[in-house]
Amino acid sequence: MENRLSFYDFTRTELAAFLEGLGEPRFRADQVFVNVYQRRTLDFEAMSDLPKPVRRELEARLDLRGLAEATRRSSPSREAVKLLWRLGDGNGVESVLMRADYGETLCFSTQVGCAFRCSFCVTGKMGRLRNLTPGEIVAQIFQHLAESESSKGPNLVAMGMGEPMDNLDALLKAIEILRDPKGLNIAGRRMTVSTVGVVPGIERLAEENPSVALALSLNATTNDVRSELMPVTRKYPIEVLIPAVEAYARASRRRVTLEYVLIKGLNDTRADAERLGRIAERFPSKVNVIPFNPSDLFEYERPDAERVDAFAKWLWPYRTTVTVRYSKGLDIQAACGQLGYDQVKSRLAAGA
């Protein structure tokens, strides 16, 4: 049984080919997808529309267990629940379901850790330990959906641990599985892929799957400051990055979200806001101003509320939508830039 394949790694087309190799008709894949993803039947023996020999064969070859929940933490207000999933190799990855009056958002991960080491992000301190498989991405989302209280289900954002463009093959396959009408049938408009600015990934996503929304973690408007915060800028400076984002906006015909983590004394001046506004006007956009989430792992500070409000108002004259987003889950280390906190602290305590 240890050699079973994860069901969640299969697209419906791949599952049909797999079943055909077992001498079964391809339509069996439709039946299995509906049973698992729509009926949440997680026991092949309970799939009564399949012949018993097929159920036994699938049980012997495919694993429906998904990921093992290791720990969960919930905000007292229930506005955020963070799950740590224990992977088969012992690594852990986190995801967060956030609740608000306007709906729910599920922030999922694409990697264990992250190689890009943004200087304000806890996950970056882990380094990249490994990519998630398509099935680990899908299972993470599928199992988390049981937490949802929304009749429409949550919006999905690849903003958790890892850089999605650094694991784009797996993410694109996961999106295909998630969108399958015989499966979860999640529309592309309900998915957002966030990036630190990996230009080849943005270009490839524009070519292969522009149906999903794009969010750019920008955080600074000059190469000097952005390089300090985000080393990826040295490879893909702003003058290379922004044209790629413009091209994505044209391909997708959707607004691009510009995420801007506001850090006291570093990127919070009126000149910063005006440069940001001019960038935002170059394509249909929305600017999310995110006051920095404090952590004992960094020396950066959050600007006071008056400065945050002023920064947002400086953006108003520009042709973009502006929101201030105070991240949910700060009290359980589940806010933007905090995932992986417990793992990092444990490694530091061990002297790793």
Protein backbone atom coordinates (compact mmCIF):
# COMPACT_ATOMS: atom_id res chain seq x y z
CA MET A 1 0.00 0.00 0.00
CA GLU A 2 3.00 2.31 0.52
CA ASN A 3 3.56 2.46 -3.25
CA ARG A 4 0.15 3.85 -4.06
CA LEU A 5 -0.02 7.01 -6.17
CA SER A 6 -1.75 10.13 -4.90
CA PHE A 7 -5.13 10.53 -6.57
CA TYR A 8 -4.79 14.31 -6.29
CA ASP A 9 -1.84 14.32 -8.71
CA PHE A 10 -4.09 13.22 -11.58
CA THR A 11 -5.91 15.42 -14.05
CA ARG A 12 -9.11 13.82 -15.30
CA THR A 13 -7.44 13.11 -18.65
CA GLU A 14 -4.54 11.39 -16.90
CA LEU A 15 -6.91 9.38 -14.73
CA ALA A 16 -8.84 8.28 -17.82
CA ALA A 17 -5.61 7.04 -19.41
CA PHE A 18 -4.66 5.30 -16.15
CA LEU A 19 -8.02 3.51 -16.02
CA GLU A 20 -7.82 2.63 -19.69
CA GLY A 21 -4.50 0.94 -18.92
CA LEU A 22 -6.38 -1.20 -16.42
CA GLY A 23 -8.87 -2.23 -19.12
CA GLU A 24 -11.60 0.15 -17.96
CA PRO A 25 -13.56 2.66 -20.09
CA ARG A 26 -12.37 6.25 -19.89
CA PHE A 27 -15.69 7.51 -18.51
CA ARG A 28 -14.81 5.89 -15.20
CA ALA A 29 -12.54 8.90 -14.60
CA ASP A 30 -15.61 11.17 -14.68
CA GLN A 31 -17.31 8.99 -12.09
CA VAL A 32 -14.30 9.00 -9.77
CA PHE A 33 -13.80 12.78 -10.05
CA VAL A 34 -17.46 13.43 -9.21
CA ASN A 35 -17.33 11.00 -6.29
CA VAL A 36 -14.22 12.54 -4.75
CA TYR A 37 -14.41 16.24 -5.51
CA GLN A 38 -18.16 16.85 -5.58
CA ARG A 39 -19.55 14.18 -3.25
CA ARG A 40 -16.43 14.05 -1.01
CA THR A 41 -16.53 10.25 -1.07
CA LEU A 42 -13.05 9.44 0.16
CA ASP A 43 -13.38 5.66 0.19
CA PHE A 44 -13.33 3.79 -3.10
CA GLU A 45 -15.46 1.01 -1.59
CA ALA A 46 -18.26 3.55 -1.02
CA MET A 47 -18.37 4.56 -4.71
CA SER A 48 -21.44 2.51 -5.53
CA ASP A 49 -21.57 3.56 -9.18
CA LEU A 50 -18.29 1.72 -9.82
CA PRO A 51 -18.11 -2.07 -10.24
CA LYS A 52 -16.63 -3.80 -7.21
CA PRO A 53 -13.54 -5.08 -9.06
CA VAL A 54 -12.76 -1.49 -10.14
CA ARG A 55 -13.12 -0.25 -6.56
CA ARG A 56 -10.69 -2.89 -5.33
CA GLU A 57 -8.21 -2.10 -8.10
CA LEU A 58 -8.32 1.62 -7.38
CA GLU A 59 -7.97 1.07 -3.64
CA ALA A 60 -4.82 -0.95 -4.27
CA ARG A 61 -3.28 1.64 -6.61
CA LEU A 62 -4.46 5.12 -5.57
CA ASP A 63 -4.30 6.98 -2.25
CA LEU A 64 -7.22 9.26 -1.32
CA ARG A 65 -5.89 10.35 2.07
CA GLY A 66 -4.38 13.65 0.91
CA LEU A 67 -2.34 15.57 3.50
CA ALA A 68 -2.06 14.93 7.21
CA GLU A 69 -3.16 17.83 9.41
CA ALA A 70 -0.43 18.35 12.02
CA THR A 71 -1.65 21.42 13.92
CA ARG A 72 -4.31 24.07 13.66
CA ARG A 73 -4.52 27.53 15.15
CA SER A 74 -7.56 29.77 15.05
CA SER A 75 -7.91 33.45 15.88
CA PRO A 76 -10.23 34.06 18.85
CA SER A 77 -12.43 36.04 16.47
CA ARG A 78 -12.44 33.08 14.03
CA GLU A 79 -11.38 35.46 11.27
CA ALA A 80 -8.43 33.21 10.45
CA VAL A 81 -7.61 29.53 10.80
CA LYS A 82 -4.09 28.31 10.00
CA LEU A 83 -3.34 24.68 9.29
CA LEU A 84 0.07 23.04 9.26
CA TRP A 85 0.09 20.06 6.91
CA ARG A 86 2.64 17.31 7.50
CA LEU A 87 3.94 16.01 4.18
CA GLY A 88 5.02 12.45 3.46
CA ASP A 89 8.72 13.30 3.75
CA GLY A 90 8.29 14.98 7.15
CA ASN A 91 8.30 18.56 5.87
CA GLY A 92 5.50 20.92 6.83
CA VAL A 93 3.57 23.51 4.86
CA GLU A 94 0.96 26.02 6.02
CA SER A 95 -2.24 27.45 4.58
CA VAL A 96 -4.73 29.95 5.97
CA LEU A 97 -8.48 30.43 5.58
CA MET A 98 -9.52 34.04 6.24
CA ARG A 99 -13.05 35.22 6.84
CA ALA A 100 -14.52 38.68 6.32
CA ASP A 101 -17.94 40.23 5.83
CA TYR A 102 -17.43 40.20 2.05
CA GLY A 103 -16.48 36.52 1.89
CA GLU A 104 -13.64 34.07 2.45
CA THR A 105 -10.14 33.78 1.08
CA LEU A 106 -7.96 30.69 1.16
CA CYS A 107 -4.25 31.44 1.06
CA PHE A 108 -2.43 28.31 -0.11
CA SER A 109 1.23 27.38 -0.52
CA THR A 110 3.19 26.16 -3.53
CA GLN A 111 6.54 25.36 -1.92
CA VAL A 112 8.06 24.37 1.41
CA GLY A 113 9.92 27.55 2.22
CA CYS A 114 11.04 30.03 -0.43
CA ALA A 115 14.28 30.72 -2.27
CA PHE A 116 13.73 34.46 -2.84
CA ARG A 117 14.50 35.63 0.71
CA CYS A 118 12.56 38.90 0.77
CA SER A 119 13.93 40.75 3.76
CA PHE A 120 10.54 41.29 5.43
CA CYS A 121 9.15 37.75 4.96
CA VAL A 122 9.46 34.97 7.53
CA THR A 123 9.07 32.21 4.94
CA GLY A 124 12.16 33.44 3.11
CA LYS A 125 14.25 32.67 6.19
CA MET A 126 13.50 28.98 5.64
CA GLY A 127 15.06 28.93 2.18
CA ARG A 128 13.48 26.68 -0.41
CA LEU A 129 13.32 23.15 0.96
CA ARG A 130 11.34 21.72 -1.96
CA ASN A 131 8.50 22.27 -4.40
CA LEU A 132 5.04 20.94 -3.70
CA THR A 133 3.63 18.43 -6.15
CA PRO A 134 0.42 19.27 -8.02
CA GLY A 135 -1.39 16.79 -5.79
CA GLU A 136 -0.09 18.42 -2.61
CA ILE A 137 -1.35 21.79 -3.84
CA VAL A 138 -4.75 20.35 -4.77
CA ALA A 139 -5.12 18.29 -1.57
CA GLN A 140 -4.19 21.29 0.56
CA ILE A 141 -7.02 23.28 -1.03
CA PHE A 142 -9.55 20.44 -1.21
CA GLN A 143 -9.10 19.50 2.44
CA HIS A 144 -9.18 23.13 3.56
CA LEU A 145 -12.53 23.64 1.81
CA ALA A 146 -14.17 21.67 4.60
CA GLU A 147 -13.43 24.73 6.80
CA SER A 148 -15.40 27.05 4.51
CA GLU A 149 -18.65 28.56 5.73
CA SER A 150 -19.39 30.36 2.46
CA SER A 151 -22.00 28.97 0.10
CA LYS A 152 -19.84 30.13 -2.82
CA GLY A 153 -16.63 28.78 -1.33
CA PRO A 154 -13.52 30.89 -0.76
CA ASN A 155 -11.46 32.75 -3.31
CA LEU A 156 -8.07 31.08 -3.76
CA VAL A 157 -4.80 32.97 -3.59
CA ALA A 158 -1.35 31.48 -4.16
CA MET A 159 0.19 33.79 -1.56
CA GLY A 160 1.24 31.29 1.07
CA MET A 161 4.65 29.72 1.47
CA GLY A 162 6.81 29.81 -1.65
CA GLU A 163 7.02 31.67 -4.96
CA PRO A 164 4.36 30.27 -7.33
CA MET A 165 6.35 31.17 -10.46
CA ASP A 166 9.22 29.06 -9.10
CA ASN A 167 6.96 25.99 -9.22
CA LEU A 168 4.82 26.93 -12.18
CA ASP A 169 4.54 23.50 -13.82
CA ALA A 170 2.96 22.06 -10.67
CA LEU A 171 0.75 25.10 -10.14
CA LEU A 172 -0.61 25.08 -13.69
CA LYS A 173 -1.46 21.40 -13.41
CA ALA A 174 -3.12 22.01 -10.03
CA ILE A 175 -5.19 24.83 -11.55
CA GLU A 176 -6.33 22.48 -14.33
CA ILE A 177 -7.49 19.96 -11.72
CA LEU A 178 -9.20 22.62 -9.59
CA ARG A 179 -11.06 24.08 -12.57
CA ASP A 180 -12.31 20.73 -13.89
CA PRO A 181 -16.13 20.86 -14.24
CA LYS A 182 -16.38 17.26 -13.02
CA GLY A 183 -14.30 18.20 -9.99
CA LEU A 184 -14.28 21.31 -7.82
CA ASN A 185 -15.21 23.47 -10.83
CA ILE A 186 -13.49 26.57 -9.44
CA ALA A 187 -13.54 29.40 -11.97
CA GLY A 188 -10.32 31.12 -12.96
CA ARG A 189 -11.76 34.45 -11.83
CA ARG A 190 -11.73 33.11 -8.25
CA MET A 191 -8.00 32.33 -8.34
CA THR A 192 -5.10 34.73 -7.88
CA VAL A 193 -1.42 33.98 -8.38
CA SER A 194 0.98 36.22 -6.47
CA THR A 195 4.60 36.74 -7.46
CA VAL A 196 7.65 38.67 -6.24
CA GLY A 197 8.27 39.55 -9.86
CA VAL A 198 9.66 36.53 -11.72
CA VAL A 199 9.32 37.88 -15.25
CA PRO A 200 9.57 34.59 -17.21
CA GLY A 201 6.83 33.12 -15.02
CA ILE A 202 4.56 36.12 -15.60
CA GLU A 203 5.13 35.83 -19.34
CA ARG A 204 4.43 32.11 -19.34
CA LEU A 205 1.28 32.48 -17.25
CA ALA A 206 0.04 35.14 -19.70
CA GLU A 207 0.54 32.69 -22.55
CA GLU A 208 -0.78 29.51 -20.94
CA ASN A 209 -3.43 30.53 -18.41
CA PRO A 210 -4.35 34.22 -18.33
CA SER A 211 -7.77 33.37 -16.85
CA VAL A 212 -6.41 33.68 -13.31
CA ALA A 213 -5.75 37.02 -11.63
CA LEU A 214 -2.21 38.25 -11.06
CA ALA A 215 -0.93 39.95 -7.93
CA LEU A 216 2.50 41.57 -7.92
CA SER A 217 4.30 41.99 -4.61
CA LEU A 218 5.89 45.33 -5.52
CA ASN A 219 6.68 46.97 -2.16
CA ALA A 220 8.99 49.68 -3.51
CA THR A 221 9.13 52.03 -6.48
CA THR A 222 12.88 52.35 -6.97
CA ASN A 223 15.33 49.57 -7.76
CA ASP A 224 17.60 50.55 -4.87
CA VAL A 225 14.94 50.17 -2.18
CA ARG A 226 13.28 47.21 -3.86
CA SER A 227 16.63 45.40 -4.09
CA GLU A 228 17.07 45.85 -0.35
CA LEU A 229 13.64 44.38 0.30
CA MET A 230 13.50 41.90 -2.58
CA PRO A 231 16.78 40.58 -4.02
CA VAL A 232 14.92 39.33 -7.12
CA THR A 233 14.97 42.98 -8.29
CA ARG A 234 18.64 42.64 -9.23
CA LYS A 235 17.66 40.08 -11.86
CA TYR A 236 14.35 41.63 -12.88
CA PRO A 237 14.49 45.40 -12.24
CA ILE A 238 11.37 47.52 -12.27
CA GLU A 239 11.89 48.68 -15.85
CA VAL A 240 11.81 45.02 -16.97
CA LEU A 241 9.13 43.87 -14.53
CA ILE A 242 6.40 46.42 -15.16
CA PRO A 243 6.18 45.86 -18.95
CA ALA A 244 5.68 42.14 -18.27
CA VAL A 245 2.85 43.00 -15.88
CA GLU A 246 1.32 45.34 -18.47
CA ALA A 247 1.39 42.49 -20.98
CA TYR A 248 -0.33 40.18 -18.50
CA ALA A 249 -3.07 42.75 -17.93
CA ARG A 250 -3.67 42.89 -21.68
CA ALA A 251 -3.74 39.11 -22.03
CA SER A 252 -6.04 38.53 -19.05
CA ARG A 253 -8.24 41.63 -19.46
CA ARG A 254 -8.32 41.79 -15.70
CA ARG A 255 -7.02 44.18 -13.09
CA VAL A 256 -3.62 43.38 -11.65
CA THR A 257 -3.27 43.77 -7.89
CA LEU A 258 -0.20 45.64 -6.70
CA GLU A 259 0.67 44.52 -3.18
CA TYR A 260 2.62 47.18 -1.27
CA VAL A 261 3.90 46.33 2.21
CA LEU A 262 4.29 49.68 3.96
CA ILE A 263 7.39 49.90 6.16
CA LYS A 264 8.14 52.85 8.43
CA GLY A 265 10.83 55.15 7.10
CA LEU A 266 11.67 52.96 4.11
CA ASN A 267 8.93 53.11 1.47
CA ASP A 268 6.22 55.31 2.97
CA THR A 269 6.89 58.81 1.64
CA ARG A 270 4.68 60.92 -0.58
CA ALA A 271 7.25 60.51 -3.38
CA ASP A 272 6.92 56.72 -3.01
CA ALA A 273 3.14 57.00 -3.25
CA GLU A 274 3.30 59.19 -6.34
CA ARG A 275 5.70 56.82 -8.11
CA LEU A 276 3.42 53.93 -7.16
CA GLY A 277 0.42 55.80 -8.52
CA ARG A 278 2.16 56.38 -11.85
CA ILE A 279 3.00 52.67 -12.10
CA ALA A 280 -0.59 51.72 -11.24
CA GLU A 281 -1.93 53.96 -14.01
CA ARG A 282 -0.07 52.02 -16.68
CA PHE A 283 -2.58 49.13 -16.64
CA PRO A 284 -5.92 48.26 -15.00
CA SER A 285 -4.96 47.84 -11.37
CA LYS A 286 -5.83 47.77 -7.72
CA VAL A 287 -3.33 48.76 -5.01
CA ASN A 288 -3.38 46.92 -1.70
CA VAL A 289 -1.51 48.92 0.92
CA ILE A 290 -0.46 46.42 3.60
CA PRO A 291 0.96 47.89 6.81
CA PHE A 292 3.99 45.79 7.74
CA ASN A 293 3.19 42.92 10.10
CA PRO A 294 5.70 43.17 12.98
CA SER A 295 7.80 40.16 13.95
CA ASP A 296 10.60 39.58 16.42
CA LEU A 297 12.58 38.22 13.46
CA PHE A 298 12.89 41.67 11.84
CA GLU A 299 13.83 45.20 12.84
CA TYR A 300 11.35 46.81 10.45
CA GLU A 301 8.43 48.74 11.95
CA ARG A 302 4.85 49.39 10.93
CA PRO A 303 3.99 53.05 10.21
CA ASP A 304 1.41 54.57 12.51
CA ALA A 305 -2.22 54.71 11.40
CA GLU A 306 -1.96 58.39 10.45
CA ARG A 307 0.91 57.67 8.06
CA VAL A 308 -0.89 54.67 6.54
CA ASP A 309 -3.98 56.79 5.95
CA ALA A 310 -1.91 59.58 4.40
CA PHE A 311 -0.14 57.16 2.05
CA ALA A 312 -3.46 55.79 0.82
CA LYS A 313 -4.82 59.33 0.27
CA TRP A 314 -1.74 60.29 -1.76
CA LEU A 315 -2.73 57.52 -4.18
CA TRP A 316 -6.29 58.75 -4.65
CA PRO A 317 -5.60 61.15 -7.57
CA TYR A 318 -4.32 58.27 -9.69
CA ARG A 319 -6.46 56.02 -11.88
CA THR A 320 -6.48 52.98 -9.63
CA THR A 321 -8.46 51.48 -6.77
CA VAL A 322 -6.78 51.76 -3.37
CA THR A 323 -7.44 49.62 -0.31
CA VAL A 324 -5.65 49.39 3.02
CA ARG A 325 -5.40 45.79 4.13
CA TYR A 326 -4.59 45.06 7.75
CA SER A 327 -3.78 41.37 7.52
CA LYS A 328 -5.92 38.89 9.39
CA GLY A 329 -4.37 36.26 11.63
CA LEU A 330 -1.60 38.43 13.09
CA ASP A 331 -2.25 36.93 16.52
CA ILE A 332 -1.57 33.38 15.27
CA GLN A 333 1.38 34.15 12.97
CA ALA A 334 -0.89 33.69 9.94
CA ALA A 335 -0.71 37.19 8.47
CA CYS A 336 1.01 38.23 5.25
CA GLY A 337 4.71 37.40 5.44
CA GLN A 338 4.46 35.32 8.62
CA LEU A 339 3.97 31.75 7.42
CA GLY A 340 6.68 29.39 8.59
CA TYR A 341 7.30 31.34 11.81
CA ASP A 342 7.23 28.31 14.10
CA GLN A 343 9.55 26.33 11.80
CA VAL A 344 12.04 29.21 11.64
CA LYS A 345 11.98 29.76 15.39
CA SER A 346 12.55 26.05 16.00
CA ARG A 347 15.56 26.03 13.67
CA LEU A 348 17.01 29.13 15.32
CA ALA A 349 16.54 27.61 18.77
CA ALA A 350 18.34 24.46 17.58
CA GLY A 351 21.17 26.55 16.17
CA ALA A 352 20.49 25.47 12.60
